[in-house]
Amino acid sequence: MINSERGDNLAFERFDDYHGEKAGIKKLVMRVIPEKTNRVIELEQVMLRCNCSCSSRLGR
């Protein structure tokens, strides 16, 4: 874990010196979003960004 802010987020970073295969993700941030409406909005925005970046990699 590289960062923790109580009630806000947890941030993790890949440990490259681990003896096994490297994880496919370099950094992971888990955010706390208490309000349901805001959680849905954030999720939709992330899905849209992911879809756009995946589409551009596929030439769409």
C-alpha atoms as a PDB file:
ATOM      1  CA  MET A   1       0.000   0.000   0.000  1.00  0.00           C
ATOM      2  CA  ILE A   2       1.390   3.391  -0.931  1.00  0.00           C
ATOM      3  CA  ASN A   3      -1.345   5.652   0.434  1.00  0.00           C
ATOM      4  CA  SER A   4      -4.378   5.528   2.692  1.00  0.00           C
ATOM      5  CA  GLU A   5      -6.805   8.308   3.497  1.00  0.00           C
ATOM      6  CA  ARG A   6      -9.455   7.174   5.972  1.00  0.00           C
ATOM      7  CA  GLY A   7     -12.916   7.341   4.442  1.00  0.00           C
ATOM      8  CA  ASP A   8     -11.560   8.419   1.059  1.00  0.00           C
ATOM      9  CA  ASN A   9      -9.221   5.951  -0.671  1.00  0.00           C
ATOM     10  CA  LEU A  10      -6.596   3.216  -0.571  1.00  0.00           C
ATOM     11  CA  ALA A  11      -3.788   3.201  -3.120  1.00  0.00           C
ATOM     12  CA  PHE A  12      -1.660   0.168  -3.974  1.00  0.00           C
ATOM     13  CA  GLU A  13       1.322  -0.151  -6.278  1.00  0.00           C
ATOM     14  CA  ARG A  14       2.771  -3.270  -7.889  1.00  0.00           C
ATOM     15  CA  PHE A  15       5.893  -4.673  -6.192  1.00  0.00           C
ATOM     16  CA  ASP A  16       8.187  -5.364  -9.144  1.00  0.00           C
ATOM     17  CA  ASP A  17      10.673  -7.385  -7.058  1.00  0.00           C
ATOM     18  CA  TYR A  18       8.083 -10.062  -6.248  1.00  0.00           C
ATOM     19  CA  HIS A  19       9.433 -13.495  -7.160  1.00  0.00           C
ATOM     20  CA  GLY A  20       6.580 -14.424  -9.488  1.00  0.00           C
ATOM     21  CA  GLU A  21       5.117 -12.937 -12.623  1.00  0.00           C
ATOM     22  CA  LYS A  22       4.407  -9.192 -12.488  1.00  0.00           C
ATOM     23  CA  ALA A  23       0.804  -8.155 -12.067  1.00  0.00           C
ATOM     24  CA  GLY A  24      -0.805  -6.578 -15.124  1.00  0.00           C
ATOM     25  CA  ILE A  25      -1.734  -3.462 -13.147  1.00  0.00           C
ATOM     26  CA  LYS A  26       0.920  -0.953 -12.004  1.00  0.00           C
ATOM     27  CA  LYS A  27      -1.276   1.049  -9.602  1.00  0.00           C
ATOM     28  CA  LEU A  28      -4.719   0.457  -8.075  1.00  0.00           C
ATOM     29  CA  VAL A  29      -6.741   3.105  -6.242  1.00  0.00           C
ATOM     30  CA  MET A  30      -9.870   2.067  -4.365  1.00  0.00           C
ATOM     31  CA  ARG A  31     -12.136   5.032  -3.618  1.00  0.00           C
ATOM     32  CA  VAL A  32     -14.890   5.291  -1.011  1.00  0.00           C
ATOM     33  CA  ILE A  33     -17.990   6.958  -2.484  1.00  0.00           C
ATOM     34  CA  PRO A  34     -20.781   6.843   0.125  1.00  0.00           C
ATOM     35  CA  GLU A  35     -23.599   8.395  -1.934  1.00  0.00           C
ATOM     36  CA  LYS A  36     -25.280   5.938  -4.308  1.00  0.00           C
ATOM     37  CA  THR A  37     -25.912   8.489  -7.078  1.00  0.00           C
ATOM     38  CA  ASN A  38     -22.281   9.601  -7.088  1.00  0.00           C
ATOM     39  CA  ARG A  39     -21.100   5.949  -7.173  1.00  0.00           C
ATOM     40  CA  VAL A  40     -23.216   5.307 -10.267  1.00  0.00           C
ATOM     41  CA  ILE A  41     -21.958   8.472 -11.990  1.00  0.00           C
ATOM     42  CA  GLU A  42     -18.316   7.579 -11.239  1.00  0.00           C
ATOM     43  CA  LEU A  43     -18.813   4.025 -12.485  1.00  0.00           C
ATOM     44  CA  GLU A  44     -20.389   5.223 -15.727  1.00  0.00           C
ATOM     45  CA  GLN A  45     -17.533   7.680 -16.309  1.00  0.00           C
ATOM     46  CA  VAL A  46     -14.882   5.024 -15.689  1.00  0.00           C
ATOM     47  CA  MET A  47     -16.661   2.584 -18.004  1.00  0.00           C
ATOM     48  CA  LEU A  48     -16.846   5.266 -20.691  1.00  0.00           C
ATOM     49  CA  ARG A  49     -13.125   6.098 -20.343  1.00  0.00           C
ATOM     50  CA  CYS A  50     -12.237   2.410 -20.404  1.00  0.00           C
ATOM     51  CA  ASN A  51     -14.408   1.777 -23.445  1.00  0.00           C
ATOM     52  CA  CYS A  52     -12.861   4.714 -25.292  1.00  0.00           C
ATOM     53  CA  SER A  53      -9.284   3.703 -24.505  1.00  0.00           C
ATOM     54  CA  CYS A  54      -9.976   0.061 -25.409  1.00  0.00           C
ATOM     55  CA  SER A  55     -11.666   1.080 -28.642  1.00  0.00           C
ATOM     56  CA  SER A  56      -8.722   3.271 -29.647  1.00  0.00           C
ATOM     57  CA  ARG A  57      -6.334   0.377 -29.062  1.00  0.00           C
ATOM     58  CA  LEU A  58      -8.490  -1.801 -31.301  1.00  0.00           C
ATOM     59  CA  GLY A  59      -8.631   0.847 -34.038  1.00  0.00           C
ATOM     60  CA  ARG A  60     -12.334   1.600 -33.557  1.00  0.00           C
END
